[in-house]
PDB file of N, CA and C in Angstrom:
ATOM      1  N   MET A   1    -166.585  17.672 122.040  1.00  0.00           N
ATOM      2  CA  MET A   1    -167.373  16.468 122.183  1.00  0.00           C
ATOM      3  C   MET A   1    -166.846  15.403 121.227  1.00  0.00           C
ATOM      4  N   GLN A   2    -166.826  14.193 121.718  1.00  0.00           N
ATOM      5  CA  GLN A   2    -166.435  13.052 120.889  1.00  0.00           C
ATOM      6  C   GLN A   2    -167.609  12.081 120.858  1.00  0.00           C
ATOM      7  N   ARG A   3    -168.052  11.700 119.676  1.00  0.00           N
ATOM      8  CA  ARG A   3    -169.191  10.791 119.502  1.00  0.00           C
ATOM      9  C   ARG A   3    -168.692   9.435 119.037  1.00  0.00           C
ATOM     10  N   GLN A   4    -169.252   8.391 119.651  1.00  0.00           N
ATOM     11  CA  GLN A   4    -168.930   7.021 119.254  1.00  0.00           C
ATOM     12  C   GLN A   4    -170.219   6.256 119.010  1.00  0.00           C
ATOM     13  N   TRP A   5    -170.206   5.452 117.948  1.00  0.00           N
ATOM     14  CA  TRP A   5    -171.345   4.612 117.594  1.00  0.00           C
ATOM     15  C   TRP A   5    -171.004   3.170 117.933  1.00  0.00           C
ATOM     16  N   THR A   6    -171.990   2.420 118.414  1.00  0.00           N
ATOM     17  CA  THR A   6    -171.744   1.025 118.766  1.00  0.00           C
ATOM     18  C   THR A   6    -172.046   0.109 117.585  1.00  0.00           C
ATOM     19  N   GLN A   7    -171.385  -1.027 117.567  1.00  0.00           N
ATOM     20  CA  GLN A   7    -171.684  -2.021 116.535  1.00  0.00           C
ATOM     21  C   GLN A   7    -173.026  -2.683 116.796  1.00  0.00           C
ATOM     22  N   VAL A   8    -173.329  -2.924 118.072  1.00  0.00           N
ATOM     23  CA  VAL A   8    -174.584  -3.588 118.409  1.00  0.00           C
ATOM     24  C   VAL A   8    -175.795  -2.737 118.041  1.00  0.00           C
ATOM     25  N   GLY A   9    -175.611  -1.434 117.917  1.00  0.00           N
ATOM     26  CA  GLY A   9    -176.702  -0.534 117.566  1.00  0.00           C
ATOM     27  C   GLY A   9    -176.810  -0.214 116.094  1.00  0.00           C
ATOM     28  N   GLU A  10    -176.130  -0.971 115.246  1.00  0.00           N
ATOM     29  CA  GLU A  10    -176.113  -0.664 113.812  1.00  0.00           C
ATOM     30  C   GLU A  10    -177.484  -0.685 113.147  1.00  0.00           C
ATOM     31  N   ALA A  11    -178.440  -1.388 113.725  1.00  0.00           N
ATOM     32  CA  ALA A  11    -179.789  -1.387 113.146  1.00  0.00           C
ATOM     33  C   ALA A  11    -180.378   0.021 113.149  1.00  0.00           C
ATOM     34  N   TYR A  12    -179.871   0.872 114.046  1.00  0.00           N
ATOM     35  CA  TYR A  12    -180.362   2.244 114.178  1.00  0.00           C
ATOM     36  C   TYR A  12    -179.356   3.277 113.686  1.00  0.00           C
ATOM     37  N   SER A  13    -178.149   2.830 113.310  1.00  0.00           N
ATOM     38  CA  SER A  13    -177.105   3.791 112.941  1.00  0.00           C
ATOM     39  C   SER A  13    -176.154   3.270 111.864  1.00  0.00           C
ATOM     40  N   GLY A  14    -176.538   2.224 111.153  1.00  0.00           N
ATOM     41  CA  GLY A  14    -175.629   1.574 110.219  1.00  0.00           C
ATOM     42  C   GLY A  14    -175.331   2.338 108.936  1.00  0.00           C
ATOM     43  N   THR A  15    -176.130   3.348 108.637  1.00  0.00           N
ATOM     44  CA  THR A  15    -175.886   4.175 107.454  1.00  0.00           C
ATOM     45  C   THR A  15    -175.854   5.640 107.888  1.00  0.00           C
ATOM     46  N   GLU A  16    -175.363   6.494 107.034  1.00  0.00           N
ATOM     47  CA  GLU A  16    -175.329   7.930 107.361  1.00  0.00           C
ATOM     48  C   GLU A  16    -176.743   8.481 107.545  1.00  0.00           C
ATOM     49  N   GLU A  17    -177.692   7.983 106.758  1.00  0.00           N
ATOM     50  CA  GLU A  17    -179.082   8.433 106.900  1.00  0.00           C
ATOM     51  C   GLU A  17    -179.641   8.034 108.272  1.00  0.00           C
ATOM     52  N   LEU A  18    -179.382   6.784 108.686  1.00  0.00           N
ATOM     53  CA  LEU A  18    -179.847   6.332 110.000  1.00  0.00           C
ATOM     54  C   LEU A  18    -179.174   7.122 111.120  1.00  0.00           C
ATOM     55  N   LYS A  19    -177.889   7.399 110.964  1.00  0.00           N
ATOM     56  CA  LYS A  19    -177.188   8.197 111.973  1.00  0.00           C
ATOM     57  C   LYS A  19    -177.808   9.583 112.087  1.00  0.00           C
ATOM     58  N   SER A  20    -178.095  10.205 110.966  1.00  0.00           N
ATOM     59  CA  SER A  20    -178.704  11.542 110.974  1.00  0.00           C
ATOM     60  C   SER A  20    -180.064  11.511 111.665  1.00  0.00           C
ATOM     61  N   ARG A  21    -180.850  10.473 111.380  1.00  0.00           N
ATOM     62  CA  ARG A  21    -182.162  10.354 112.019  1.00  0.00           C
ATOM     63  C   ARG A  21    -182.031  10.174 113.524  1.00  0.00           C
ATOM     64  N   PHE A  22    -181.068   9.321 113.936  1.00  0.00           N
ATOM     65  CA  PHE A  22    -180.893   9.079 115.364  1.00  0.00           C
ATOM     66  C   PHE A  22    -180.391  10.335 116.061  1.00  0.00           C
ATOM     67  N   GLU A  23    -179.500  11.069 115.422  1.00  0.00           N
ATOM     68  CA  GLU A  23    -179.009  12.322 116.001  1.00  0.00           C
ATOM     69  C   GLU A  23    -180.153  13.313 116.199  1.00  0.00           C
ATOM     70  N   ALA A  24    -181.113  13.336 115.277  1.00  0.00           N
ATOM     71  CA  ALA A  24    -182.278  14.217 115.424  1.00  0.00           C
ATOM     72  C   ALA A  24    -183.130  13.788 116.621  1.00  0.00           C
ATOM     73  N   VAL A  25    -183.268  12.479 116.803  1.00  0.00           N
ATOM     74  CA  VAL A  25    -184.019  11.969 117.953  1.00  0.00           C
ATOM     75  C   VAL A  25    -183.324  12.354 119.248  1.00  0.00           C
ATOM     76  N   VAL A  26    -181.997  12.255 119.267  1.00  0.00           N
ATOM     77  CA  VAL A  26    -181.227  12.595 120.464  1.00  0.00           C
ATOM     78  C   VAL A  26    -181.452  14.059 120.849  1.00  0.00           C
ATOM     79  N   GLN A  27    -181.615  14.918 119.856  1.00  0.00           N
ATOM     80  CA  GLN A  27    -181.866  16.336 120.149  1.00  0.00           C
ATOM     81  C   GLN A  27    -183.202  16.535 120.863  1.00  0.00           C
ATOM     82  N   ALA A  28    -184.126  15.579 120.705  1.00  0.00           N
ATOM     83  CA  ALA A  28    -185.446  15.684 121.322  1.00  0.00           C
ATOM     84  C   ALA A  28    -185.500  15.057 122.717  1.00  0.00           C
ATOM     85  N   VAL A  29    -184.399  14.494 123.180  1.00  0.00           N
ATOM     86  CA  VAL A  29    -184.385  13.886 124.512  1.00  0.00           C
ATOM     87  C   VAL A  29    -184.678  14.948 125.562  1.00  0.00           C
ATOM     88  N   GLU A  30    -185.622  14.636 126.444  1.00  0.00           N
ATOM     89  CA  GLU A  30    -185.960  15.527 127.548  1.00  0.00           C
ATOM     90  C   GLU A  30    -185.195  15.057 128.777  1.00  0.00           C
ATOM     91  N   TRP A  31    -184.252  15.884 129.234  1.00  0.00           N
ATOM     92  CA  TRP A  31    -183.380  15.536 130.351  1.00  0.00           C
ATOM     93  C   TRP A  31    -184.033  15.905 131.671  1.00  0.00           C
ATOM     94  N   GLN A  32    -183.776  15.070 132.682  1.00  0.00           N
ATOM     95  CA  GLN A  32    -184.256  15.323 134.036  1.00  0.00           C
ATOM     96  C   GLN A  32    -183.109  15.086 135.013  1.00  0.00           C
ATOM     97  N   ASP A  33    -182.967  15.994 135.966  1.00  0.00           N
ATOM     98  CA  ASP A  33    -182.017  15.773 137.051  1.00  0.00           C
ATOM     99  C   ASP A  33    -182.552  14.668 137.953  1.00  0.00           C
ATOM    100  N   LEU A  34    -181.644  14.006 138.655  1.00  0.00           N
ATOM    101  CA  LEU A  34    -182.058  12.998 139.628  1.00  0.00           C
ATOM    102  C   LEU A  34    -182.351  13.670 140.956  1.00  0.00           C
ATOM    103  N   PRO A  35    -183.334  13.232 141.692  1.00  0.00           N
ATOM    104  CA  PRO A  35    -184.288  12.185 141.338  1.00  0.00           C
ATOM    105  C   PRO A  35    -185.234  12.692 140.250  1.00  0.00           C
ATOM    106  N   CYS A  36    -185.689  11.772 139.418  1.00  0.00           N
ATOM    107  CA  CYS A  36    -186.481  12.152 138.252  1.00  0.00           C
ATOM    108  C   CYS A  36    -187.902  11.611 138.353  1.00  0.00           C
ATOM    109  N   THR A  37    -188.699  11.935 137.355  1.00  0.00           N
ATOM    110  CA  THR A  37    -190.100  11.528 137.336  1.00  0.00           C
ATOM    111  C   THR A  37    -190.428  10.630 136.150  1.00  0.00           C
ATOM    112  N   LEU A  38    -189.455   9.817 135.704  1.00  0.00           N
ATOM    113  CA  LEU A  38    -189.748   8.861 134.637  1.00  0.00           C
ATOM    114  C   LEU A  38    -190.778   7.860 135.135  1.00  0.00           C
ATOM    115  N   GLY A  39    -191.552   7.322 134.207  1.00  0.00           N
ATOM    116  CA  GLY A  39    -192.492   6.269 134.570  1.00  0.00           C
ATOM    117  C   GLY A  39    -191.753   5.025 135.039  1.00  0.00           C
ATOM    118  N   MET A  40    -192.491   4.059 135.570  1.00  0.00           N
ATOM    119  CA  MET A  40    -191.862   2.882 136.145  1.00  0.00           C
ATOM    120  C   MET A  40    -191.068   2.082 135.113  1.00  0.00           C
ATOM    121  N   THR A  41    -191.633   1.825 133.947  1.00  0.00           N
ATOM    122  CA  THR A  41    -190.942   0.993 132.964  1.00  0.00           C
ATOM    123  C   THR A  41    -189.662   1.651 132.453  1.00  0.00           C
ATOM    124  N   PRO A  42    -189.701   2.910 131.968  1.00  0.00           N
ATOM    125  CA  PRO A  42    -188.437   3.508 131.554  1.00  0.00           C
ATOM    126  C   PRO A  42    -187.478   3.710 132.722  1.00  0.00           C
ATOM    127  N   GLY A  43    -188.021   3.973 133.905  1.00  0.00           N
ATOM    128  CA  GLY A  43    -187.176   4.136 135.080  1.00  0.00           C
ATOM    129  C   GLY A  43    -186.415   2.866 135.416  1.00  0.00           C
ATOM    130  N   LYS A  44    -187.093   1.725 135.348  1.00  0.00           N
ATOM    131  CA  LYS A  44    -186.425   0.444 135.598  1.00  0.00           C
ATOM    132  C   LYS A  44    -185.405   0.142 134.499  1.00  0.00           C
ATOM    133  N   ALA A  45    -185.728   0.511 133.270  1.00  0.00           N
ATOM    134  CA  ALA A  45    -184.791   0.287 132.167  1.00  0.00           C
ATOM    135  C   ALA A  45    -183.533   1.130 132.351  1.00  0.00           C
ATOM    136  N   VAL A  46    -183.705   2.372 132.758  1.00  0.00           N
ATOM    137  CA  VAL A  46    -182.551   3.245 133.007  1.00  0.00           C
ATOM    138  C   VAL A  46    -181.714   2.691 134.148  1.00  0.00           C
ATOM    139  N   ARG A  47    -182.370   2.246 135.197  1.00  0.00           N
ATOM    140  CA  ARG A  47    -181.645   1.675 136.344  1.00  0.00           C
ATOM    141  C   ARG A  47    -180.832   0.456 135.917  1.00  0.00           C
ATOM    142  N   ALA A  48    -181.435  -0.408 135.090  1.00  0.00           N
ATOM    143  CA  ALA A  48    -180.725  -1.591 134.604  1.00  0.00           C
ATOM    144  C   ALA A  48    -179.516  -1.195 133.762  1.00  0.00           C
ATOM    145  N   ALA A  49    -179.672  -0.155 132.924  1.00  0.00           N
ATOM    146  CA  ALA A  49    -178.561   0.301 132.095  1.00  0.00           C
ATOM    147  C   ALA A  49    -177.426   0.841 132.960  1.00  0.00           C
ATOM    148  N   ILE A  50    -177.772   1.605 133.992  1.00  0.00           N
ATOM    149  CA  ILE A  50    -176.754   2.163 134.889  1.00  0.00           C
ATOM    150  C   ILE A  50    -175.967   1.044 135.555  1.00  0.00           C
ATOM    151  N   LEU A  51    -176.669   0.023 136.016  1.00  0.00           N
ATOM    152  CA  LEU A  51    -176.004  -1.096 136.683  1.00  0.00           C
ATOM    153  C   LEU A  51    -175.172  -1.929 135.703  1.00  0.00           C
ATOM    154  N   GLU A  52    -175.763  -2.285 134.565  1.00  0.00           N
ATOM    155  CA  GLU A  52    -175.062  -3.147 133.607  1.00  0.00           C
ATOM    156  C   GLU A  52    -173.838  -2.466 133.004  1.00  0.00           C
ATOM    157  N   PHE A  53    -173.950  -1.194 132.698  1.00  0.00           N
ATOM    158  CA  PHE A  53    -172.845  -0.474 132.070  1.00  0.00           C
ATOM    159  C   PHE A  53    -171.954   0.220 133.101  1.00  0.00           C
ATOM    160  N   GLN A  54    -172.282   0.052 134.367  1.00  0.00           N
ATOM    161  CA  GLN A  54    -171.504   0.607 135.471  1.00  0.00           C
ATOM    162  C   GLN A  54    -171.229   2.105 135.260  1.00  0.00           C
ATOM    163  N   ILE A  55    -172.297   2.843 135.013  1.00  0.00           N
ATOM    164  CA  ILE A  55    -172.188   4.279 134.775  1.00  0.00           C
ATOM    165  C   ILE A  55    -172.088   4.983 136.123  1.00  0.00           C
ATOM    166  N   PRO A  56    -170.974   5.669 136.383  1.00  0.00           N
ATOM    167  CA  PRO A  56    -170.788   6.291 137.698  1.00  0.00           C
ATOM    168  C   PRO A  56    -171.429   7.679 137.795  1.00  0.00           C
ATOM    169  N   ASN A  57    -171.715   8.074 139.004  1.00  0.00           N
ATOM    170  CA  ASN A  57    -172.129   9.451 139.306  1.00  0.00           C
ATOM    171  C   ASN A  57    -173.184   9.979 138.336  1.00  0.00           C
ATOM    172  N   VAL A  58    -174.253   9.237 138.174  1.00  0.00           N
ATOM    173  CA  VAL A  58    -175.313   9.652 137.255  1.00  0.00           C
ATOM    174  C   VAL A  58    -175.977  10.909 137.797  1.00  0.00           C
ATOM    175  N   GLN A  59    -176.030  11.937 136.959  1.00  0.00           N
ATOM    176  CA  GLN A  59    -176.615  13.218 137.338  1.00  0.00           C
ATOM    177  C   GLN A  59    -177.965  13.462 136.669  1.00  0.00           C
ATOM    178  N   ARG A  60    -178.079  12.970 135.431  1.00  0.00           N
ATOM    179  CA  ARG A  60    -179.306  13.212 134.676  1.00  0.00           C
ATOM    180  C   ARG A  60    -179.639  11.993 133.837  1.00  0.00           C
ATOM    181  N   VAL A  61    -180.935  11.838 133.561  1.00  0.00           N
ATOM    182  CA  VAL A  61    -181.408  10.815 132.644  1.00  0.00           C
ATOM    183  C   VAL A  61    -182.378  11.481 131.681  1.00  0.00           C
ATOM    184  N   GLY A  62    -182.584  10.844 130.545  1.00  0.00           N
ATOM    185  CA  GLY A  62    -183.465  11.443 129.561  1.00  0.00           C
ATOM    186  C   GLY A  62    -184.271  10.409 128.811  1.00  0.00           C
ATOM    187  N   CYS A  63    -185.310  10.903 128.154  1.00  0.00           N
ATOM    188  CA  CYS A  63    -186.212  10.022 127.418  1.00  0.00           C
ATOM    189  C   CYS A  63    -186.754  10.779 126.209  1.00  0.00           C
ATOM    190  N   SER A  64    -186.964  10.045 125.128  1.00  0.00           N
ATOM    191  CA  SER A  64    -187.607  10.607 123.944  1.00  0.00           C
ATOM    192  C   SER A  64    -188.518   9.541 123.343  1.00  0.00           C
ATOM    193  N   LEU A  65    -189.667   9.956 122.879  1.00  0.00           N
ATOM    194  CA  LEU A  65    -190.600   9.049 122.212  1.00  0.00           C
ATOM    195  C   LEU A  65    -190.663   9.329 120.715  1.00  0.00           C
ATOM    196  N   GLU A  66    -189.651  10.003 120.190  1.00  0.00           N
ATOM    197  CA  GLU A  66    -189.619  10.374 118.770  1.00  0.00           C
ATOM    198  C   GLU A  66    -189.540   9.159 117.842  1.00  0.00           C
ATOM    199  N   MET A  67    -189.143   7.990 118.385  1.00  0.00           N
ATOM    200  CA  MET A  67    -189.055   6.776 117.574  1.00  0.00           C
ATOM    201  C   MET A  67    -190.193   5.804 117.901  1.00  0.00           C
ATOM    202  N   ALA A  68    -191.284   6.321 118.494  1.00  0.00           N
ATOM    203  CA  ALA A  68    -192.397   5.462 118.916  1.00  0.00           C
ATOM    204  C   ALA A  68    -192.783   4.520 117.769  1.00  0.00           C
ATOM    205  N   PRO A  69    -193.019   3.256 118.096  1.00  0.00           N
ATOM    206  CA  PRO A  69    -193.284   2.699 119.413  1.00  0.00           C
ATOM    207  C   PRO A  69    -192.029   2.394 120.243  1.00  0.00           C
ATOM    208  N   LEU A  70    -190.861   2.624 119.701  1.00  0.00           N
ATOM    209  CA  LEU A  70    -189.636   2.429 120.478  1.00  0.00           C
ATOM    210  C   LEU A  70    -189.335   3.702 121.256  1.00  0.00           C
ATOM    211  N   GLY A  71    -188.682   3.548 122.380  1.00  0.00           N
ATOM    212  CA  GLY A  71    -188.266   4.703 123.156  1.00  0.00           C
ATOM    213  C   GLY A  71    -186.763   4.880 123.062  1.00  0.00           C
ATOM    214  N   VAL A  72    -186.306   6.073 123.296  1.00  0.00           N
ATOM    215  CA  VAL A  72    -184.873   6.347 123.405  1.00  0.00           C
ATOM    216  C   VAL A  72    -184.619   6.835 124.819  1.00  0.00           C
ATOM    217  N   LEU A  73    -183.704   6.159 125.503  1.00  0.00           N
ATOM    218  CA  LEU A  73    -183.337   6.517 126.866  1.00  0.00           C
ATOM    219  C   LEU A  73    -181.893   6.980 126.878  1.00  0.00           C
ATOM    220  N   ALA A  74    -181.581   7.888 127.764  1.00  0.00           N
ATOM    221  CA  ALA A  74    -180.231   8.437 127.838  1.00  0.00           C
ATOM    222  C   ALA A  74    -179.811   8.548 129.299  1.00  0.00           C
ATOM    223  N   VAL A  75    -178.531   8.306 129.530  1.00  0.00           N
ATOM    224  CA  VAL A  75    -177.977   8.406 130.870  1.00  0.00           C
ATOM    225  C   VAL A  75    -176.709   9.246 130.789  1.00  0.00           C
ATOM    226  N   GLU A  76    -176.568  10.205 131.693  1.00  0.00           N
ATOM    227  CA  GLU A  76    -175.380  11.050 131.759  1.00  0.00           C
ATOM    228  C   GLU A  76    -174.628  10.720 133.042  1.00  0.00           C
ATOM    229  N   GLY A  77    -173.391  10.264 132.887  1.00  0.00           N
ATOM    230  CA  GLY A  77    -172.560   9.930 134.033  1.00  0.00           C
ATOM    231  C   GLY A  77    -171.289  10.749 134.044  1.00  0.00           C
ATOM    232  N   ILE A  78    -170.778  10.990 135.245  1.00  0.00           N
ATOM    233  CA  ILE A  78    -169.555  11.771 135.387  1.00  0.00           C
ATOM    234  C   ILE A  78    -168.419  10.832 135.773  1.00  0.00           C
ATOM    235  N   TYR A  79    -167.435  10.770 134.898  1.00  0.00           N
ATOM    236  CA  TYR A  79    -166.233   9.978 135.130  1.00  0.00           C
ATOM    237  C   TYR A  79    -165.127  10.923 135.608  1.00  0.00           C
ATOM    238  N   SER A  80    -164.023  10.369 136.052  1.00  0.00           N
ATOM    239  CA  SER A  80    -162.932  11.209 136.559  1.00  0.00           C
ATOM    240  C   SER A  80    -162.342  12.105 135.471  1.00  0.00           C
ATOM    241  N   ASP A  81    -162.460  11.692 134.200  1.00  0.00           N
ATOM    242  CA  ASP A  81    -161.857  12.467 133.122  1.00  0.00           C
ATOM    243  C   ASP A  81    -162.866  13.140 132.195  1.00  0.00           C
ATOM    244  N   GLY A  82    -164.152  13.069 132.539  1.00  0.00           N
ATOM    245  CA  GLY A  82    -165.129  13.722 131.686  1.00  0.00           C
ATOM    246  C   GLY A  82    -166.549  13.248 131.938  1.00  0.00           C
ATOM    247  N   VAL A  83    -167.450  13.772 131.130  1.00  0.00           N
ATOM    248  CA  VAL A  83    -168.869  13.457 131.213  1.00  0.00           C
ATOM    249  C   VAL A  83    -169.224  12.621 129.991  1.00  0.00           C
ATOM    250  N   VAL A  84    -170.009  11.557 130.228  1.00  0.00           N
ATOM    251  CA  VAL A  84    -170.419  10.685 129.131  1.00  0.00           C
ATOM    252  C   VAL A  84    -171.938  10.586 129.124  1.00  0.00           C
ATOM    253  N   ARG A  85    -172.503  10.726 127.948  1.00  0.00           N
ATOM    254  CA  ARG A  85    -173.928  10.476 127.735  1.00  0.00           C
ATOM    255  C   ARG A  85    -174.034   9.229 126.862  1.00  0.00           C
ATOM    256  N   ILE A  86    -174.812   8.273 127.323  1.00  0.00           N
ATOM    257  CA  ILE A  86    -175.016   7.041 126.570  1.00  0.00           C
ATOM    258  C   ILE A  86    -176.492   6.982 126.186  1.00  0.00           C
ATOM    259  N   TYR A  87    -176.746   6.712 124.916  1.00  0.00           N
ATOM    260  CA  TYR A  87    -178.101   6.677 124.373  1.00  0.00           C
ATOM    261  C   TYR A  87    -178.468   5.244 124.002  1.00  0.00           C
ATOM    262  N   PHE A  88    -179.654   4.824 124.439  1.00  0.00           N
ATOM    263  CA  PHE A  88    -180.138   3.467 124.223  1.00  0.00           C
ATOM    264  C   PHE A  88    -181.474   3.507 123.502  1.00  0.00           C
ATOM    265  N   VAL A  89    -181.729   2.499 122.665  1.00  0.00           N
ATOM    266  CA  VAL A  89    -183.066   2.293 122.124  1.00  0.00           C
ATOM    267  C   VAL A  89    -183.729   1.236 122.995  1.00  0.00           C
ATOM    268  N   ASP A  90    -184.898   1.568 123.503  1.00  0.00           N
ATOM    269  CA  ASP A  90    -185.676   0.649 124.329  1.00  0.00           C
ATOM    270  C   ASP A  90    -186.625  -0.100 123.411  1.00  0.00           C
ATOM    271  N   GLN A  91    -186.302  -1.394 123.191  1.00  0.00           N
ATOM    272  CA  GLN A  91    -187.125  -2.217 122.307  1.00  0.00           C
ATOM    273  C   GLN A  91    -188.265  -2.901 123.062  1.00  0.00           C
ATOM    274  N   GLY A  92    -188.401  -2.628 124.334  1.00  0.00           N
ATOM    275  CA  GLY A  92    -189.445  -3.241 125.139  1.00  0.00           C
ATOM    276  C   GLY A  92    -188.929  -4.399 125.968  1.00  0.00           C
ATOM    277  N   ASP A  93    -188.096  -5.244 125.361  1.00  0.00           N
ATOM    278  CA  ASP A  93    -187.539  -6.384 126.090  1.00  0.00           C
ATOM    279  C   ASP A  93    -186.031  -6.299 126.250  1.00  0.00           C
ATOM    280  N   VAL A  94    -185.417  -5.338 125.586  1.00  0.00           N
ATOM    281  CA  VAL A  94    -183.969  -5.167 125.667  1.00  0.00           C
ATOM    282  C   VAL A  94    -183.611  -3.717 125.355  1.00  0.00           C
ATOM    283  N   LEU A  95    -182.552  -3.222 126.010  1.00  0.00           N
ATOM    284  CA  LEU A  95    -182.007  -1.912 125.688  1.00  0.00           C
ATOM    285  C   LEU A  95    -180.810  -2.108 124.771  1.00  0.00           C
ATOM    286  N   VAL A  96    -180.784  -1.368 123.682  1.00  0.00           N
ATOM    287  CA  VAL A  96    -179.679  -1.451 122.738  1.00  0.00           C
ATOM    288  C   VAL A  96    -178.873  -0.161 122.813  1.00  0.00           C
ATOM    289  N   PRO A  97    -177.608  -0.225 123.258  1.00  0.00           N
ATOM    290  CA  PRO A  97    -176.786   0.992 123.255  1.00  0.00           C
ATOM    291  C   PRO A  97    -176.445   1.355 121.812  1.00  0.00           C
ATOM    292  N   VAL A  98    -176.728   2.587 121.440  1.00  0.00           N
ATOM    293  CA  VAL A  98    -176.523   3.004 120.048  1.00  0.00           C
ATOM    294  C   VAL A  98    -175.337   3.942 119.906  1.00  0.00           C
ATOM    295  N   MET A  99    -175.223   4.911 120.799  1.00  0.00           N
ATOM    296  CA  MET A  99    -174.108   5.844 120.699  1.00  0.00           C
ATOM    297  C   MET A  99    -173.822   6.469 122.046  1.00  0.00           C
ATOM    298  N   SER A 100    -172.649   7.090 122.115  1.00  0.00           N
ATOM    299  CA  SER A 100    -172.280   7.837 123.319  1.00  0.00           C
ATOM    300  C   SER A 100    -171.578   9.119 122.899  1.00  0.00           C
ATOM    301  N   ASP A 101    -171.735  10.115 123.742  1.00  0.00           N
ATOM    302  CA  ASP A 101    -171.042  11.387 123.570  1.00  0.00           C
ATOM    303  C   ASP A 101    -170.166  11.600 124.792  1.00  0.00           C
ATOM    304  N   GLN A 102    -168.902  11.963 124.560  1.00  0.00           N
ATOM    305  CA  GLN A 102    -167.985  12.257 125.663  1.00  0.00           C
ATOM    306  C   GLN A 102    -167.637  13.741 125.630  1.00  0.00           C
ATOM    307  N   PHE A 103    -167.653  14.343 126.824  1.00  0.00           N
ATOM    308  CA  PHE A 103    -167.352  15.758 126.980  1.00  0.00           C
ATOM    309  C   PHE A 103    -166.240  15.909 128.010  1.00  0.00           C
ATOM    310  N   ALA A 104    -165.474  16.976 127.906  1.00  0.00           N
ATOM    311  CA  ALA A 104    -164.478  17.305 128.930  1.00  0.00           C
ATOM    312  C   ALA A 104    -165.195  17.705 130.210  1.00  0.00           C
ATOM    313  N   LEU A 105    -164.494  17.647 131.323  1.00  0.00           N
ATOM    314  CA  LEU A 105    -165.113  17.992 132.607  1.00  0.00           C
ATOM    315  C   LEU A 105    -165.662  19.413 132.655  1.00  0.00           C
ATOM    316  N   ASP A 106    -165.065  20.342 131.908  1.00  0.00           N
ATOM    317  CA  ASP A 106    -165.570  21.720 131.935  1.00  0.00           C
ATOM    318  C   ASP A 106    -166.950  21.842 131.287  1.00  0.00           C
ATOM    319  N   TYR A 107    -167.406  20.772 130.661  1.00  0.00           N
ATOM    320  CA  TYR A 107    -168.759  20.732 130.104  1.00  0.00           C
ATOM    321  C   TYR A 107    -169.796  20.992 131.199  1.00  0.00           C
ATOM    322  N   LEU A 108    -169.545  20.480 132.399  1.00  0.00           N
ATOM    323  CA  LEU A 108    -170.489  20.658 133.503  1.00  0.00           C
ATOM    324  C   LEU A 108    -170.727  22.131 133.809  1.00  0.00           C
ATOM    325  N   GLU A 109    -169.691  22.932 133.704  1.00  0.00           N
ATOM    326  CA  GLU A 109    -169.826  24.365 133.978  1.00  0.00           C
ATOM    327  C   GLU A 109    -170.719  25.042 132.938  1.00  0.00           C
ATOM    328  N   SER A 110    -170.617  24.623 131.690  1.00  0.00           N
ATOM    329  CA  SER A 110    -171.404  25.238 130.633  1.00  0.00           C
ATOM    330  C   SER A 110    -172.822  24.702 130.601  1.00  0.00           C
ATOM    331  N   LEU A 111    -173.064  23.574 131.247  1.00  0.00           N
ATOM    332  CA  LEU A 111    -174.377  22.944 131.216  1.00  0.00           C
ATOM    333  C   LEU A 111    -175.464  23.861 131.763  1.00  0.00           C
ATOM    334  N   GLY A 112    -175.234  24.459 132.897  1.00  0.00           N
ATOM    335  CA  GLY A 112    -176.223  25.350 133.482  1.00  0.00           C
ATOM    336  C   GLY A 112    -176.526  26.545 132.595  1.00  0.00           C
ATOM    337  N   LYS A 113    -175.496  27.090 131.946  1.00  0.00           N
ATOM    338  CA  LYS A 113    -175.669  28.240 131.075  1.00  0.00           C
ATOM    339  C   LYS A 113    -176.455  27.866 129.823  1.00  0.00           C
ATOM    340  N   GLU A 114    -176.206  26.631 129.320  1.00  0.00           N
ATOM    341  CA  GLU A 114    -176.851  26.154 128.099  1.00  0.00           C
ATOM    342  C   GLU A 114    -178.358  26.031 128.276  1.00  0.00           C
ATOM    343  N   GLU A 115    -178.815  25.664 129.472  1.00  0.00           N
ATOM    344  CA  GLU A 115    -180.220  25.387 129.683  1.00  0.00           C
ATOM    345  C   GLU A 115    -180.995  26.585 130.235  1.00  0.00           C
ATOM    346  N   GLU A 116    -180.341  27.670 130.510  1.00  0.00           N
ATOM    347  CA  GLU A 116    -181.033  28.853 131.050  1.00  0.00           C
ATOM    348  C   GLU A 116    -181.774  29.582 129.964  1.00  0.00           C
TER     349      GLU A 116
END
């Protein structure tokens, strides 16, 4: 896995302490296969993120309320060379991309085993 942090998300990851906290929140993300049962507001936010960031072949989306009142949304897309998970902070009026994780394509094979 390769992790990348965004500059625009530095308010949530600008120090090692903030990164550690955000990584803990990411561990609490509850993933759902598509079609999913997210509420309307997070569902529309995820849809907007998929369109704006042009995330292909979305298989799963996730949500965490560990940073309430802010939400954390996640989108998993499959690219030709691997799987990418992008994590956003939902500030209510804007989604802020904070980090992404990239996995090799064989990650998909281990995914089912990991969740059993």
